[in-house]
Amino acid sequence: MIKTIYPTEFSKYVAELRLMKPYGSGTWTFADKSTYSGEWISGQFTGKGALTLQDGSKILGYWQDEQIIGKCVWRLPNGTSYEGQIIDCKFIRDPEKKGK
């Protein structure tokens, strides 16, 4: 069953719950208005999803325990996209993939 919960007065989660934690597909809106939409397991981003930041840029890829793993796409608000990886909190662009 789809539910809306407000874990804090500044954030919101809309989707399924299991044991009162986000589970399945859902969207979490954070206090800073950034959002994560995608798959959840036991209250953590796990699986395919997209993190949309305050400036409108998006990081799309696969997540495990709230960290992106492997290759991802960083899409800027102007439509330019870059493929690469996030390592130690830094985006490392694939040199063979030019921005589109």
C-alpha atoms as a PDB file:
ATOM      1  CA  MET A   1       0.000   0.000   0.000  1.00  0.00           C
ATOM      2  CA  ILE A   2       1.320   3.453  -0.933  1.00  0.00           C
ATOM      3  CA  LYS A   3       1.667   5.804   2.030  1.00  0.00           C
ATOM      4  CA  THR A   4       3.038   9.243   2.718  1.00  0.00           C
ATOM      5  CA  ILE A   5       5.134   9.687   5.832  1.00  0.00           C
ATOM      6  CA  TYR A   6       6.926  12.710   7.249  1.00  0.00           C
ATOM      7  CA  PRO A   7      10.010  11.380   9.095  1.00  0.00           C
ATOM      8  CA  THR A   8      10.931  14.944  10.035  1.00  0.00           C
ATOM      9  CA  GLU A   9       9.017  18.170   9.727  1.00  0.00           C
ATOM     10  CA  PHE A  10      11.147  19.021   6.689  1.00  0.00           C
ATOM     11  CA  SER A  11      11.173  15.780   4.675  1.00  0.00           C
ATOM     12  CA  LYS A  12       8.599  13.507   3.061  1.00  0.00           C
ATOM     13  CA  TYR A  13       8.518   9.918   1.724  1.00  0.00           C
ATOM     14  CA  VAL A  14       5.809   8.642  -0.619  1.00  0.00           C
ATOM     15  CA  ALA A  15       5.639   4.901  -1.385  1.00  0.00           C
ATOM     16  CA  GLU A  16       5.571   1.526   0.295  1.00  0.00           C
ATOM     17  CA  LEU A  17       6.691   0.764   3.827  1.00  0.00           C
ATOM     18  CA  ARG A  18       7.858  -2.466   5.383  1.00  0.00           C
ATOM     19  CA  LEU A  19       8.413  -2.506   9.154  1.00  0.00           C
ATOM     20  CA  MET A  20       7.906   1.288   9.053  1.00  0.00           C
ATOM     21  CA  LYS A  21      10.886   1.767   6.698  1.00  0.00           C
ATOM     22  CA  PRO A  22      10.869   2.725   3.005  1.00  0.00           C
ATOM     23  CA  TYR A  23      10.754  -0.404   0.842  1.00  0.00           C
ATOM     24  CA  GLY A  24      10.119  -1.034  -2.852  1.00  0.00           C
ATOM     25  CA  SER A  25       9.812   1.965  -5.177  1.00  0.00           C
ATOM     26  CA  GLY A  26       9.337   5.420  -3.763  1.00  0.00           C
ATOM     27  CA  THR A  27      10.349   9.048  -3.597  1.00  0.00           C
ATOM     28  CA  TRP A  28      11.949  10.844  -0.672  1.00  0.00           C
ATOM     29  CA  THR A  29      11.989  14.633  -0.648  1.00  0.00           C
ATOM     30  CA  PHE A  30      14.722  15.950   1.641  1.00  0.00           C
ATOM     31  CA  ALA A  31      14.689  19.150   3.703  1.00  0.00           C
ATOM     32  CA  ASP A  32      16.823  20.929   1.064  1.00  0.00           C
ATOM     33  CA  LYS A  33      14.227  19.949  -1.612  1.00  0.00           C
ATOM     34  CA  SER A  34      16.538  17.449  -3.326  1.00  0.00           C
ATOM     35  CA  THR A  35      14.854  14.095  -4.034  1.00  0.00           C
ATOM     36  CA  TYR A  36      15.713  10.446  -4.443  1.00  0.00           C
ATOM     37  CA  SER A  37      13.307   8.429  -6.598  1.00  0.00           C
ATOM     38  CA  GLY A  38      13.912   4.756  -7.022  1.00  0.00           C
ATOM     39  CA  GLU A  39      14.246   1.473  -5.205  1.00  0.00           C
ATOM     40  CA  TRP A  40      14.539   1.057  -1.453  1.00  0.00           C
ATOM     41  CA  ILE A  41      15.388  -1.848   0.859  1.00  0.00           C
ATOM     42  CA  SER A  42      15.163  -1.518   4.640  1.00  0.00           C
ATOM     43  CA  GLY A  43      15.005   2.260   4.482  1.00  0.00           C
ATOM     44  CA  GLN A  44      18.068   2.783   2.257  1.00  0.00           C
ATOM     45  CA  PHE A  45      18.541   3.667  -1.421  1.00  0.00           C
ATOM     46  CA  THR A  46      19.320   0.263  -2.898  1.00  0.00           C
ATOM     47  CA  GLY A  47      18.797  -0.542  -6.576  1.00  0.00           C
ATOM     48  CA  LYS A  48      18.077   1.618  -9.595  1.00  0.00           C
ATOM     49  CA  GLY A  49      17.358   5.244  -8.799  1.00  0.00           C
ATOM     50  CA  ALA A  50      17.901   8.943  -9.435  1.00  0.00           C
ATOM     51  CA  LEU A  51      19.079  11.617  -7.041  1.00  0.00           C
ATOM     52  CA  THR A  52      17.907  15.079  -8.123  1.00  0.00           C
ATOM     53  CA  LEU A  53      19.914  17.884  -6.534  1.00  0.00           C
ATOM     54  CA  GLN A  54      18.758  21.408  -5.637  1.00  0.00           C
ATOM     55  CA  ASP A  55      20.198  22.866  -8.854  1.00  0.00           C
ATOM     56  CA  GLY A  56      18.161  20.411 -10.960  1.00  0.00           C
ATOM     57  CA  SER A  57      21.073  18.140 -11.910  1.00  0.00           C
ATOM     58  CA  LYS A  58      20.474  14.390 -11.618  1.00  0.00           C
ATOM     59  CA  ILE A  59      22.678  11.426 -10.812  1.00  0.00           C
ATOM     60  CA  LEU A  60      21.196   8.231 -12.269  1.00  0.00           C
ATOM     61  CA  GLY A  61      22.473   4.743 -11.605  1.00  0.00           C
ATOM     62  CA  TYR A  62      22.509   1.831  -9.186  1.00  0.00           C
ATOM     63  CA  TRP A  63      22.726   2.423  -5.464  1.00  0.00           C
ATOM     64  CA  GLN A  64      23.725   0.205  -2.556  1.00  0.00           C
ATOM     65  CA  ASP A  65      23.379   1.307   1.068  1.00  0.00           C
ATOM     66  CA  GLU A  66      22.759   4.905  -0.093  1.00  0.00           C
ATOM     67  CA  GLN A  67      25.935   5.082  -2.197  1.00  0.00           C
ATOM     68  CA  ILE A  68      26.075   4.960  -5.964  1.00  0.00           C
ATOM     69  CA  ILE A  69      28.000   1.957  -7.264  1.00  0.00           C
ATOM     70  CA  GLY A  70      29.585   1.406 -10.643  1.00  0.00           C
ATOM     71  CA  LYS A  71      28.819   3.543 -13.666  1.00  0.00           C
ATOM     72  CA  CYS A  72      26.376   6.405 -13.468  1.00  0.00           C
ATOM     73  CA  VAL A  73      25.086   9.319 -15.534  1.00  0.00           C
ATOM     74  CA  TRP A  74      25.250  12.902 -14.323  1.00  0.00           C
ATOM     75  CA  ARG A  75      22.664  15.010 -16.172  1.00  0.00           C
ATOM     76  CA  LEU A  76      22.977  18.794 -15.839  1.00  0.00           C
ATOM     77  CA  PRO A  77      19.977  21.159 -15.906  1.00  0.00           C
ATOM     78  CA  ASN A  78      20.982  22.369 -19.401  1.00  0.00           C
ATOM     79  CA  GLY A  79      20.580  18.810 -20.752  1.00  0.00           C
ATOM     80  CA  THR A  80      24.295  17.938 -20.953  1.00  0.00           C
ATOM     81  CA  SER A  81      24.993  14.399 -19.719  1.00  0.00           C
ATOM     82  CA  TYR A  82      28.236  12.803 -18.590  1.00  0.00           C
ATOM     83  CA  GLU A  83      28.918   9.113 -17.974  1.00  0.00           C
ATOM     84  CA  GLY A  84      31.362   8.037 -15.300  1.00  0.00           C
ATOM     85  CA  GLN A  85      31.653   6.933 -11.687  1.00  0.00           C
ATOM     86  CA  ILE A  86      31.600   8.574  -8.285  1.00  0.00           C
ATOM     87  CA  ILE A  87      34.718   7.647  -6.320  1.00  0.00           C
ATOM     88  CA  ASP A  88      35.486   9.174  -2.910  1.00  0.00           C
ATOM     89  CA  CYS A  89      32.637  11.682  -3.397  1.00  0.00           C
ATOM     90  CA  LYS A  90      34.095  12.910  -6.720  1.00  0.00           C
ATOM     91  CA  PHE A  91      32.612  12.373 -10.182  1.00  0.00           C
ATOM     92  CA  ILE A  92      35.187  10.742 -12.486  1.00  0.00           C
ATOM     93  CA  ARG A  93      34.128  11.136 -16.124  1.00  0.00           C
ATOM     94  CA  ASP A  94      34.707   8.351 -18.631  1.00  0.00           C
ATOM     95  CA  PRO A  95      37.278   9.885 -21.011  1.00  0.00           C
ATOM     96  CA  GLU A  96      35.750   8.214 -24.069  1.00  0.00           C
ATOM     97  CA  LYS A  97      32.244   9.565 -23.314  1.00  0.00           C
ATOM     98  CA  LYS A  98      31.855  13.207 -24.266  1.00  0.00           C
ATOM     99  CA  GLY A  99      29.087  15.375 -22.860  1.00  0.00           C
ATOM    100  CA  LYS A 100      25.926  15.254 -24.982  1.00  0.00           C
END
